[in-house]
Amino acid sequence: MSTEQNPEEFYKNLRAQLYETASWPSEYLYKFIVKTNTDGISKVENLFDNMGAVIKTNASKNGKYTSVSIHVLMKDPDAVISKYKDVAENVDDVISL
């Protein structure tokens, strides 16, 4: 998310882009970066539990950070945005890509 844009404006634009670029329901790829030595990885994974998500993790070269990629079938853009908000509210120091 751009630091110059307020979150609601960002999500409004994202919602419009998602409606324009995909037919729903659709598979969506989430990408997050979390610190490796925290429980952030498990928190992110738990937020996608029981959704049929395919989750892959990859530690950075120095091992300080871990990328978490999640492929999951989402109902619509509002569901995609809701999940981004869940992660932001429940995982400390997470970066959404």
PDB file of N, CA and C in Angstrom:
ATOM      1  N   MET A   1       0.843  -1.168   0.000  1.00  0.00           N
ATOM      2  CA  MET A   1       0.000   0.000   0.000  1.00  0.00           C
ATOM      3  C   MET A   1       0.887   1.229   0.000  1.00  0.00           C
ATOM      4  N   SER A   2       0.542   2.198  -0.772  1.00  0.00           N
ATOM      5  CA  SER A   2       1.299   3.434  -0.835  1.00  0.00           C
ATOM      6  C   SER A   2       1.178   4.199   0.477  1.00  0.00           C
ATOM      7  N   THR A   3       2.288   4.752   0.941  1.00  0.00           N
ATOM      8  CA  THR A   3       2.247   5.509   2.188  1.00  0.00           C
ATOM      9  C   THR A   3       1.585   6.864   1.977  1.00  0.00           C
ATOM     10  N   GLU A   4       1.472   7.326   0.724  1.00  0.00           N
ATOM     11  CA  GLU A   4       0.855   8.612   0.436  1.00  0.00           C
ATOM     12  C   GLU A   4      -0.663   8.508   0.338  1.00  0.00           C
ATOM     13  N   GLN A   5      -1.193   7.323   0.267  1.00  0.00           N
ATOM     14  CA  GLN A   5      -2.617   7.117   0.059  1.00  0.00           C
ATOM     15  C   GLN A   5      -3.248   6.588   1.338  1.00  0.00           C
ATOM     16  N   ASN A   6      -4.435   7.077   1.675  1.00  0.00           N
ATOM     17  CA  ASN A   6      -5.072   6.549   2.871  1.00  0.00           C
ATOM     18  C   ASN A   6      -5.601   5.147   2.578  1.00  0.00           C
ATOM     19  N   PRO A   7      -5.708   4.324   3.596  1.00  0.00           N
ATOM     20  CA  PRO A   7      -6.092   2.915   3.386  1.00  0.00           C
ATOM     21  C   PRO A   7      -7.437   2.743   2.688  1.00  0.00           C
ATOM     22  N   GLU A   8      -8.428   3.543   3.031  1.00  0.00           N
ATOM     23  CA  GLU A   8      -9.741   3.367   2.404  1.00  0.00           C
ATOM     24  C   GLU A   8      -9.694   3.682   0.914  1.00  0.00           C
ATOM     25  N   GLU A   9      -8.936   4.693   0.539  1.00  0.00           N
ATOM     26  CA  GLU A   9      -8.786   5.033  -0.883  1.00  0.00           C
ATOM     27  C   GLU A   9      -8.046   3.906  -1.609  1.00  0.00           C
ATOM     28  N   PHE A  10      -7.019   3.370  -0.957  1.00  0.00           N
ATOM     29  CA  PHE A  10      -6.271   2.257  -1.544  1.00  0.00           C
ATOM     30  C   PHE A  10      -7.201   1.064  -1.798  1.00  0.00           C
ATOM     31  N   TYR A  11      -8.007   0.692  -0.793  1.00  0.00           N
ATOM     32  CA  TYR A  11      -8.903  -0.460  -0.937  1.00  0.00           C
ATOM     33  C   TYR A  11      -9.996  -0.194  -1.967  1.00  0.00           C
ATOM     34  N   LYS A  12     -10.451   1.035  -2.060  1.00  0.00           N
ATOM     35  CA  LYS A  12     -11.456   1.387  -3.068  1.00  0.00           C
ATOM     36  C   LYS A  12     -10.880   1.167  -4.473  1.00  0.00           C
ATOM     37  N   ASN A  13      -9.653   1.633  -4.679  1.00  0.00           N
ATOM     38  CA  ASN A  13      -8.994   1.450  -5.985  1.00  0.00           C
ATOM     39  C   ASN A  13      -8.716  -0.023  -6.262  1.00  0.00           C
ATOM     40  N   LEU A  14      -8.281  -0.752  -5.250  1.00  0.00           N
ATOM     41  CA  LEU A  14      -8.012  -2.180  -5.407  1.00  0.00           C
ATOM     42  C   LEU A  14      -9.289  -2.915  -5.795  1.00  0.00           C
ATOM     43  N   ARG A  15     -10.394  -2.611  -5.126  1.00  0.00           N
ATOM     44  CA  ARG A  15     -11.681  -3.244  -5.419  1.00  0.00           C
ATOM     45  C   ARG A  15     -12.053  -3.026  -6.893  1.00  0.00           C
ATOM     46  N   ALA A  16     -11.914  -1.799  -7.370  1.00  0.00           N
ATOM     47  CA  ALA A  16     -12.238  -1.485  -8.768  1.00  0.00           C
ATOM     48  C   ALA A  16     -11.339  -2.261  -9.725  1.00  0.00           C
ATOM     49  N   GLN A  17     -10.049  -2.323  -9.430  1.00  0.00           N
ATOM     50  CA  GLN A  17      -9.111  -3.060 -10.285  1.00  0.00           C
ATOM     51  C   GLN A  17      -9.430  -4.550 -10.307  1.00  0.00           C
ATOM     52  N   LEU A  18      -9.773  -5.105  -9.168  1.00  0.00           N
ATOM     53  CA  LEU A  18     -10.084  -6.535  -9.111  1.00  0.00           C
ATOM     54  C   LEU A  18     -11.345  -6.859  -9.909  1.00  0.00           C
ATOM     55  N   TYR A  19     -12.346  -6.009  -9.836  1.00  0.00           N
ATOM     56  CA  TYR A  19     -13.567  -6.238 -10.624  1.00  0.00           C
ATOM     57  C   TYR A  19     -13.285  -6.138 -12.120  1.00  0.00           C
ATOM     58  N   GLU A  20     -12.364  -5.253 -12.507  1.00  0.00           N
ATOM     59  CA  GLU A  20     -12.045  -5.048 -13.923  1.00  0.00           C
ATOM     60  C   GLU A  20     -11.167  -6.152 -14.505  1.00  0.00           C
ATOM     61  N   THR A  21     -10.353  -6.788 -13.684  1.00  0.00           N
ATOM     62  CA  THR A  21      -9.333  -7.697 -14.218  1.00  0.00           C
ATOM     63  C   THR A  21      -9.611  -9.178 -14.030  1.00  0.00           C
ATOM     64  N   ALA A  22     -10.691  -9.533 -13.340  1.00  0.00           N
ATOM     65  CA  ALA A  22     -10.956 -10.959 -13.115  1.00  0.00           C
ATOM     66  C   ALA A  22     -12.456 -11.207 -13.073  1.00  0.00           C
ATOM     67  N   SER A  23     -12.829 -12.453 -13.364  1.00  0.00           N
ATOM     68  CA  SER A  23     -14.218 -12.853 -13.158  1.00  0.00           C
ATOM     69  C   SER A  23     -14.257 -13.623 -11.843  1.00  0.00           C
ATOM     70  N   TRP A  24     -15.313 -13.426 -11.097  1.00  0.00           N
ATOM     71  CA  TRP A  24     -15.383 -13.958  -9.739  1.00  0.00           C
ATOM     72  C   TRP A  24     -16.424 -15.039  -9.616  1.00  0.00           C
ATOM     73  N   PRO A  25     -16.190 -16.075  -8.783  1.00  0.00           N
ATOM     74  CA  PRO A  25     -15.022 -16.298  -7.919  1.00  0.00           C
ATOM     75  C   PRO A  25     -13.765 -16.558  -8.737  1.00  0.00           C
ATOM     76  N   SER A  26     -12.629 -16.258  -8.137  1.00  0.00           N
ATOM     77  CA  SER A  26     -11.356 -16.372  -8.825  1.00  0.00           C
ATOM     78  C   SER A  26     -10.246 -16.732  -7.838  1.00  0.00           C
ATOM     79  N   GLU A  27      -9.219 -17.398  -8.350  1.00  0.00           N
ATOM     80  CA  GLU A  27      -8.057 -17.669  -7.516  1.00  0.00           C
ATOM     81  C   GLU A  27      -7.262 -16.378  -7.372  1.00  0.00           C
ATOM     82  N   TYR A  28      -6.810 -16.124  -6.153  1.00  0.00           N
ATOM     83  CA  TYR A  28      -6.079 -14.901  -5.862  1.00  0.00           C
ATOM     84  C   TYR A  28      -4.767 -15.256  -5.178  1.00  0.00           C
ATOM     85  N   LEU A  29      -3.725 -14.503  -5.486  1.00  0.00           N
ATOM     86  CA  LEU A  29      -2.417 -14.718  -4.873  1.00  0.00           C
ATOM     87  C   LEU A  29      -2.126 -13.578  -3.909  1.00  0.00           C
ATOM     88  N   TYR A  30      -2.041 -13.925  -2.633  1.00  0.00           N
ATOM     89  CA  TYR A  30      -1.619 -12.977  -1.600  1.00  0.00           C
ATOM     90  C   TYR A  30      -0.128 -13.174  -1.388  1.00  0.00           C
ATOM     91  N   LYS A  31       0.572 -12.061  -1.118  1.00  0.00           N
ATOM     92  CA  LYS A  31       1.986 -12.145  -0.746  1.00  0.00           C
ATOM     93  C   LYS A  31       2.220 -11.224   0.447  1.00  0.00           C
ATOM     94  N   PHE A  32       2.861 -11.796   1.443  1.00  0.00           N
ATOM     95  CA  PHE A  32       3.169 -11.050   2.660  1.00  0.00           C
ATOM     96  C   PHE A  32       4.632 -11.282   3.027  1.00  0.00           C
ATOM     97  N   ILE A  33       5.213 -10.302   3.710  1.00  0.00           N
ATOM     98  CA  ILE A  33       6.561 -10.423   4.260  1.00  0.00           C
ATOM     99  C   ILE A  33       6.435 -10.250   5.771  1.00  0.00           C
ATOM    100  N   VAL A  34       7.008 -11.193   6.523  1.00  0.00           N
ATOM    101  CA  VAL A  34       7.001 -11.109   7.989  1.00  0.00           C
ATOM    102  C   VAL A  34       8.405 -11.402   8.509  1.00  0.00           C
ATOM    103  N   LYS A  35       8.675 -10.944   9.720  1.00  0.00           N
ATOM    104  CA  LYS A  35       9.956 -11.268  10.345  1.00  0.00           C
ATOM    105  C   LYS A  35       9.963 -12.755  10.670  1.00  0.00           C
ATOM    106  N   THR A  36      11.071 -13.402  10.387  1.00  0.00           N
ATOM    107  CA  THR A  36      11.180 -14.851  10.556  1.00  0.00           C
ATOM    108  C   THR A  36      11.093 -15.265  12.016  1.00  0.00           C
ATOM    109  N   ASN A  37      11.671 -14.497  12.915  1.00  0.00           N
ATOM    110  CA  ASN A  37      11.764 -14.928  14.314  1.00  0.00           C
ATOM    111  C   ASN A  37      10.528 -14.579  15.149  1.00  0.00           C
ATOM    112  N   THR A  38       9.411 -14.267  14.517  1.00  0.00           N
ATOM    113  CA  THR A  38       8.179 -13.980  15.247  1.00  0.00           C
ATOM    114  C   THR A  38       7.147 -15.051  14.916  1.00  0.00           C
ATOM    115  N   ASP A  39       5.990 -14.967  15.535  1.00  0.00           N
ATOM    116  CA  ASP A  39       4.921 -15.912  15.220  1.00  0.00           C
ATOM    117  C   ASP A  39       4.041 -15.410  14.078  1.00  0.00           C
ATOM    118  N   GLY A  40       4.537 -14.422  13.341  1.00  0.00           N
ATOM    119  CA  GLY A  40       3.787 -13.843  12.227  1.00  0.00           C
ATOM    120  C   GLY A  40       3.448 -14.842  11.141  1.00  0.00           C
ATOM    121  N   ILE A  41       4.356 -15.754  10.849  1.00  0.00           N
ATOM    122  CA  ILE A  41       4.107 -16.751   9.802  1.00  0.00           C
ATOM    123  C   ILE A  41       2.909 -17.607  10.173  1.00  0.00           C
ATOM    124  N   SER A  42       2.889 -18.122  11.388  1.00  0.00           N
ATOM    125  CA  SER A  42       1.774 -18.977  11.801  1.00  0.00           C
ATOM    126  C   SER A  42       0.478 -18.180  11.903  1.00  0.00           C
ATOM    127  N   LYS A  43       0.542 -16.915  12.303  1.00  0.00           N
ATOM    128  CA  LYS A  43      -0.662 -16.093  12.353  1.00  0.00           C
ATOM    129  C   LYS A  43      -1.256 -15.912  10.958  1.00  0.00           C
ATOM    130  N   VAL A  44      -0.402 -15.623   9.980  1.00  0.00           N
ATOM    131  CA  VAL A  44      -0.885 -15.472   8.599  1.00  0.00           C
ATOM    132  C   VAL A  44      -1.493 -16.790   8.122  1.00  0.00           C
ATOM    133  N   GLU A  45      -0.786 -17.890   8.340  1.00  0.00           N
ATOM    134  CA  GLU A  45      -1.299 -19.198   7.912  1.00  0.00           C
ATOM    135  C   GLU A  45      -2.635 -19.511   8.570  1.00  0.00           C
ATOM    136  N   ASN A  46      -2.772 -19.204   9.848  1.00  0.00           N
ATOM    137  CA  ASN A  46      -4.020 -19.486  10.563  1.00  0.00           C
ATOM    138  C   ASN A  46      -5.202 -18.685  10.025  1.00  0.00           C
ATOM    139  N   LEU A  47      -4.944 -17.482   9.532  1.00  0.00           N
ATOM    140  CA  LEU A  47      -6.025 -16.664   8.980  1.00  0.00           C
ATOM    141  C   LEU A  47      -6.585 -17.243   7.673  1.00  0.00           C
ATOM    142  N   PHE A  48      -5.827 -18.125   7.033  1.00  0.00           N
ATOM    143  CA  PHE A  48      -6.281 -18.754   5.792  1.00  0.00           C
ATOM    144  C   PHE A  48      -6.617 -20.232   5.999  1.00  0.00           C
ATOM    145  N   ASP A  49      -6.663 -20.665   7.251  1.00  0.00           N
ATOM    146  CA  ASP A  49      -6.975 -22.053   7.583  1.00  0.00           C
ATOM    147  C   ASP A  49      -8.399 -22.403   7.134  1.00  0.00           C
ATOM    148  N   ASN A  50      -8.582 -23.620   6.686  1.00  0.00           N
ATOM    149  CA  ASN A  50      -9.881 -24.148   6.248  1.00  0.00           C
ATOM    150  C   ASN A  50     -10.462 -23.423   5.038  1.00  0.00           C
ATOM    151  N   MET A  51      -9.598 -22.830   4.221  1.00  0.00           N
ATOM    152  CA  MET A  51     -10.063 -22.154   3.009  1.00  0.00           C
ATOM    153  C   MET A  51      -9.569 -22.874   1.754  1.00  0.00           C
ATOM    154  N   GLY A  52      -8.842 -23.968   1.929  1.00  0.00           N
ATOM    155  CA  GLY A  52      -8.281 -24.672   0.782  1.00  0.00           C
ATOM    156  C   GLY A  52      -7.090 -23.944   0.179  1.00  0.00           C
ATOM    157  N   ALA A  53      -6.450 -23.105   0.955  1.00  0.00           N
ATOM    158  CA  ALA A  53      -5.326 -22.305   0.472  1.00  0.00           C
ATOM    159  C   ALA A  53      -4.064 -23.152   0.333  1.00  0.00           C
ATOM    160  N   VAL A  54      -3.282 -22.827  -0.690  1.00  0.00           N
ATOM    161  CA  VAL A  54      -1.951 -23.403  -0.867  1.00  0.00           C
ATOM    162  C   VAL A  54      -0.968 -22.336  -0.407  1.00  0.00           C
ATOM    163  N   ILE A  55      -0.228 -22.659   0.656  1.00  0.00           N
ATOM    164  CA  ILE A  55       0.657 -21.681   1.285  1.00  0.00           C
ATOM    165  C   ILE A  55       2.109 -22.118   1.119  1.00  0.00           C
ATOM    166  N   LYS A  56       2.935 -21.182   0.631  1.00  0.00           N
ATOM    167  CA  LYS A  56       4.368 -21.440   0.485  1.00  0.00           C
ATOM    168  C   LYS A  56       5.125 -20.338   1.204  1.00  0.00           C
ATOM    169  N   THR A  57       6.196 -20.755   1.881  1.00  0.00           N
ATOM    170  CA  THR A  57       7.045 -19.785   2.566  1.00  0.00           C
ATOM    171  C   THR A  57       8.458 -19.872   2.008  1.00  0.00           C
ATOM    172  N   ASN A  58       9.158 -18.747   2.069  1.00  0.00           N
ATOM    173  CA  ASN A  58      10.522 -18.693   1.573  1.00  0.00           C
ATOM    174  C   ASN A  58      11.295 -17.688   2.420  1.00  0.00           C
ATOM    175  N   ALA A  59      12.320 -18.170   3.109  1.00  0.00           N
ATOM    176  CA  ALA A  59      13.138 -17.294   3.946  1.00  0.00           C
ATOM    177  C   ALA A  59      14.046 -16.435   3.079  1.00  0.00           C
ATOM    178  N   SER A  60      14.311 -15.223   3.537  1.00  0.00           N
ATOM    179  CA  SER A  60      15.223 -14.339   2.818  1.00  0.00           C
ATOM    180  C   SER A  60      16.641 -14.889   2.893  1.00  0.00           C
ATOM    181  N   LYS A  61      17.510 -14.321   2.107  1.00  0.00           N
ATOM    182  CA  LYS A  61      18.897 -14.783   2.040  1.00  0.00           C
ATOM    183  C   LYS A  61      19.575 -14.798   3.410  1.00  0.00           C
ATOM    184  N   ASN A  62      19.329 -13.762   4.204  1.00  0.00           N
ATOM    185  CA  ASN A  62      19.948 -13.698   5.529  1.00  0.00           C
ATOM    186  C   ASN A  62      19.066 -14.316   6.620  1.00  0.00           C
ATOM    187  N   GLY A  63      17.866 -14.767   6.259  1.00  0.00           N
ATOM    188  CA  GLY A  63      16.989 -15.436   7.206  1.00  0.00           C
ATOM    189  C   GLY A  63      16.213 -14.519   8.133  1.00  0.00           C
ATOM    190  N   LYS A  64      16.333 -13.222   7.948  1.00  0.00           N
ATOM    191  CA  LYS A  64      15.663 -12.278   8.837  1.00  0.00           C
ATOM    192  C   LYS A  64      14.166 -12.160   8.532  1.00  0.00           C
ATOM    193  N   TYR A  65      13.813 -12.314   7.264  1.00  0.00           N
ATOM    194  CA  TYR A  65      12.420 -12.195   6.844  1.00  0.00           C
ATOM    195  C   TYR A  65      11.982 -13.444   6.089  1.00  0.00           C
ATOM    196  N   THR A  66      10.671 -13.658   6.075  1.00  0.00           N
ATOM    197  CA  THR A  66      10.100 -14.775   5.327  1.00  0.00           C
ATOM    198  C   THR A  66       8.950 -14.255   4.485  1.00  0.00           C
ATOM    199  N   SER A  67       8.944 -14.645   3.211  1.00  0.00           N
ATOM    200  CA  SER A  67       7.803 -14.309   2.367  1.00  0.00           C
ATOM    201  C   SER A  67       6.791 -15.440   2.472  1.00  0.00           C
ATOM    202  N   VAL A  68       5.532 -15.071   2.523  1.00  0.00           N
ATOM    203  CA  VAL A  68       4.444 -16.038   2.595  1.00  0.00           C
ATOM    204  C   VAL A  68       3.552 -15.787   1.384  1.00  0.00           C
ATOM    205  N   SER A  69       3.467 -16.779   0.492  1.00  0.00           N
ATOM    206  CA  SER A  69       2.616 -16.695  -0.700  1.00  0.00           C
ATOM    207  C   SER A  69       1.431 -17.615  -0.505  1.00  0.00           C
ATOM    208  N   ILE A  70       0.248 -17.094  -0.787  1.00  0.00           N
ATOM    209  CA  ILE A  70      -0.976 -17.851  -0.543  1.00  0.00           C
ATOM    210  C   ILE A  70      -1.856 -17.802  -1.784  1.00  0.00           C
ATOM    211  N   HIS A  71      -2.102 -18.974  -2.360  1.00  0.00           N
ATOM    212  CA  HIS A  71      -3.041 -19.107  -3.476  1.00  0.00           C
ATOM    213  C   HIS A  71      -4.346 -19.629  -2.893  1.00  0.00           C
ATOM    214  N   VAL A  72      -5.433 -18.899  -3.146  1.00  0.00           N
ATOM    215  CA  VAL A  72      -6.719 -19.304  -2.566  1.00  0.00           C
ATOM    216  C   VAL A  72      -7.863 -18.798  -3.452  1.00  0.00           C
ATOM    217  N   LEU A  73      -8.906 -19.588  -3.536  1.00  0.00           N
ATOM    218  CA  LEU A  73     -10.095 -19.205  -4.282  1.00  0.00           C
ATOM    219  C   LEU A  73     -10.910 -18.230  -3.435  1.00  0.00           C
ATOM    220  N   MET A  74     -11.151 -17.052  -3.992  1.00  0.00           N
ATOM    221  CA  MET A  74     -11.905 -16.028  -3.272  1.00  0.00           C
ATOM    222  C   MET A  74     -13.207 -15.739  -4.000  1.00  0.00           C
ATOM    223  N   LYS A  75     -14.236 -15.421  -3.219  1.00  0.00           N
ATOM    224  CA  LYS A  75     -15.594 -15.225  -3.730  1.00  0.00           C
ATOM    225  C   LYS A  75     -15.710 -13.968  -4.594  1.00  0.00           C
ATOM    226  N   ASP A  76     -15.121 -12.873  -4.123  1.00  0.00           N
ATOM    227  CA  ASP A  76     -15.233 -11.592  -4.825  1.00  0.00           C
ATOM    228  C   ASP A  76     -14.175 -10.625  -4.283  1.00  0.00           C
ATOM    229  N   PRO A  77     -14.025  -9.458  -4.906  1.00  0.00           N
ATOM    230  CA  PRO A  77     -13.028  -8.495  -4.427  1.00  0.00           C
ATOM    231  C   PRO A  77     -13.228  -8.057  -2.979  1.00  0.00           C
ATOM    232  N   ASP A  78     -14.473  -7.993  -2.514  1.00  0.00           N
ATOM    233  CA  ASP A  78     -14.694  -7.615  -1.119  1.00  0.00           C
ATOM    234  C   ASP A  78     -14.109  -8.651  -0.163  1.00  0.00           C
ATOM    235  N   ALA A  79     -14.181  -9.931  -0.537  1.00  0.00           N
ATOM    236  CA  ALA A  79     -13.586 -10.986   0.289  1.00  0.00           C
ATOM    237  C   ALA A  79     -12.064 -10.868   0.288  1.00  0.00           C
ATOM    238  N   VAL A  80     -11.481 -10.515  -0.853  1.00  0.00           N
ATOM    239  CA  VAL A  80     -10.031 -10.320  -0.950  1.00  0.00           C
ATOM    240  C   VAL A  80      -9.598  -9.196  -0.010  1.00  0.00           C
ATOM    241  N   ILE A  81     -10.297  -8.087  -0.074  1.00  0.00           N
ATOM    242  CA  ILE A  81      -9.953  -6.930   0.748  1.00  0.00           C
ATOM    243  C   ILE A  81     -10.163  -7.227   2.231  1.00  0.00           C
ATOM    244  N   SER A  82     -11.230  -7.926   2.542  1.00  0.00           N
ATOM    245  CA  SER A  82     -11.495  -8.294   3.935  1.00  0.00           C
ATOM    246  C   SER A  82     -10.343  -9.109   4.515  1.00  0.00           C
ATOM    247  N   LYS A  83      -9.799 -10.018   3.719  1.00  0.00           N
ATOM    248  CA  LYS A  83      -8.689 -10.851   4.196  1.00  0.00           C
ATOM    249  C   LYS A  83      -7.430  -9.999   4.386  1.00  0.00           C
ATOM    250  N   TYR A  84      -7.169  -9.045   3.480  1.00  0.00           N
ATOM    251  CA  TYR A  84      -6.034  -8.133   3.683  1.00  0.00           C
ATOM    252  C   TYR A  84      -6.181  -7.387   5.011  1.00  0.00           C
ATOM    253  N   LYS A  85      -7.387  -6.910   5.298  1.00  0.00           N
ATOM    254  CA  LYS A  85      -7.628  -6.177   6.544  1.00  0.00           C
ATOM    255  C   LYS A  85      -7.449  -7.090   7.753  1.00  0.00           C
ATOM    256  N   ASP A  86      -7.907  -8.345   7.662  1.00  0.00           N
ATOM    257  CA  ASP A  86      -7.718  -9.307   8.756  1.00  0.00           C
ATOM    258  C   ASP A  86      -6.238  -9.485   9.076  1.00  0.00           C
ATOM    259  N   VAL A  87      -5.446  -9.655   8.029  1.00  0.00           N
ATOM    260  CA  VAL A  87      -4.006  -9.854   8.228  1.00  0.00           C
ATOM    261  C   VAL A  87      -3.389  -8.598   8.860  1.00  0.00           C
ATOM    262  N   ALA A  88      -3.728  -7.429   8.337  1.00  0.00           N
ATOM    263  CA  ALA A  88      -3.165  -6.185   8.867  1.00  0.00           C
ATOM    264  C   ALA A  88      -3.522  -5.983  10.339  1.00  0.00           C
ATOM    265  N   GLU A  89      -4.737  -6.377  10.726  1.00  0.00           N
ATOM    266  CA  GLU A  89      -5.181  -6.196  12.111  1.00  0.00           C
ATOM    267  C   GLU A  89      -4.609  -7.237  13.069  1.00  0.00           C
ATOM    268  N   ASN A  90      -4.273  -8.420  12.561  1.00  0.00           N
ATOM    269  CA  ASN A  90      -3.910  -9.520  13.449  1.00  0.00           C
ATOM    270  C   ASN A  90      -2.437  -9.920  13.441  1.00  0.00           C
ATOM    271  N   VAL A  91      -1.674  -9.387  12.509  1.00  0.00           N
ATOM    272  CA  VAL A  91      -0.256  -9.754  12.410  1.00  0.00           C
ATOM    273  C   VAL A  91       0.583  -8.490  12.518  1.00  0.00           C
ATOM    274  N   ASP A  92       1.462  -8.459  13.518  1.00  0.00           N
ATOM    275  CA  ASP A  92       2.326  -7.294  13.718  1.00  0.00           C
ATOM    276  C   ASP A  92       3.423  -7.252  12.666  1.00  0.00           C
ATOM    277  N   ASP A  93       3.755  -6.041  12.238  1.00  0.00           N
ATOM    278  CA  ASP A  93       4.880  -5.801  11.329  1.00  0.00           C
ATOM    279  C   ASP A  93       4.807  -6.592  10.041  1.00  0.00           C
ATOM    280  N   VAL A  94       3.625  -6.797   9.507  1.00  0.00           N
ATOM    281  CA  VAL A  94       3.472  -7.509   8.243  1.00  0.00           C
ATOM    282  C   VAL A  94       3.492  -6.501   7.098  1.00  0.00           C
ATOM    283  N   ILE A  95       4.096  -6.906   5.991  1.00  0.00           N
ATOM    284  CA  ILE A  95       4.101  -6.098   4.781  1.00  0.00           C
ATOM    285  C   ILE A  95       3.285  -6.853   3.740  1.00  0.00           C
ATOM    286  N   SER A  96       2.268  -6.192   3.200  1.00  0.00           N
ATOM    287  CA  SER A  96       1.446  -6.794   2.142  1.00  0.00           C
ATOM    288  C   SER A  96       1.981  -6.325   0.807  1.00  0.00           C
ATOM    289  N   LEU A  97       2.165  -7.270  -0.098  1.00  0.00           N
ATOM    290  CA  LEU A  97       2.659  -6.912  -1.434  1.00  0.00           C
ATOM    291  C   LEU A  97       1.547  -7.027  -2.447  1.00  0.00           C
TER     292      LEU A  97
END
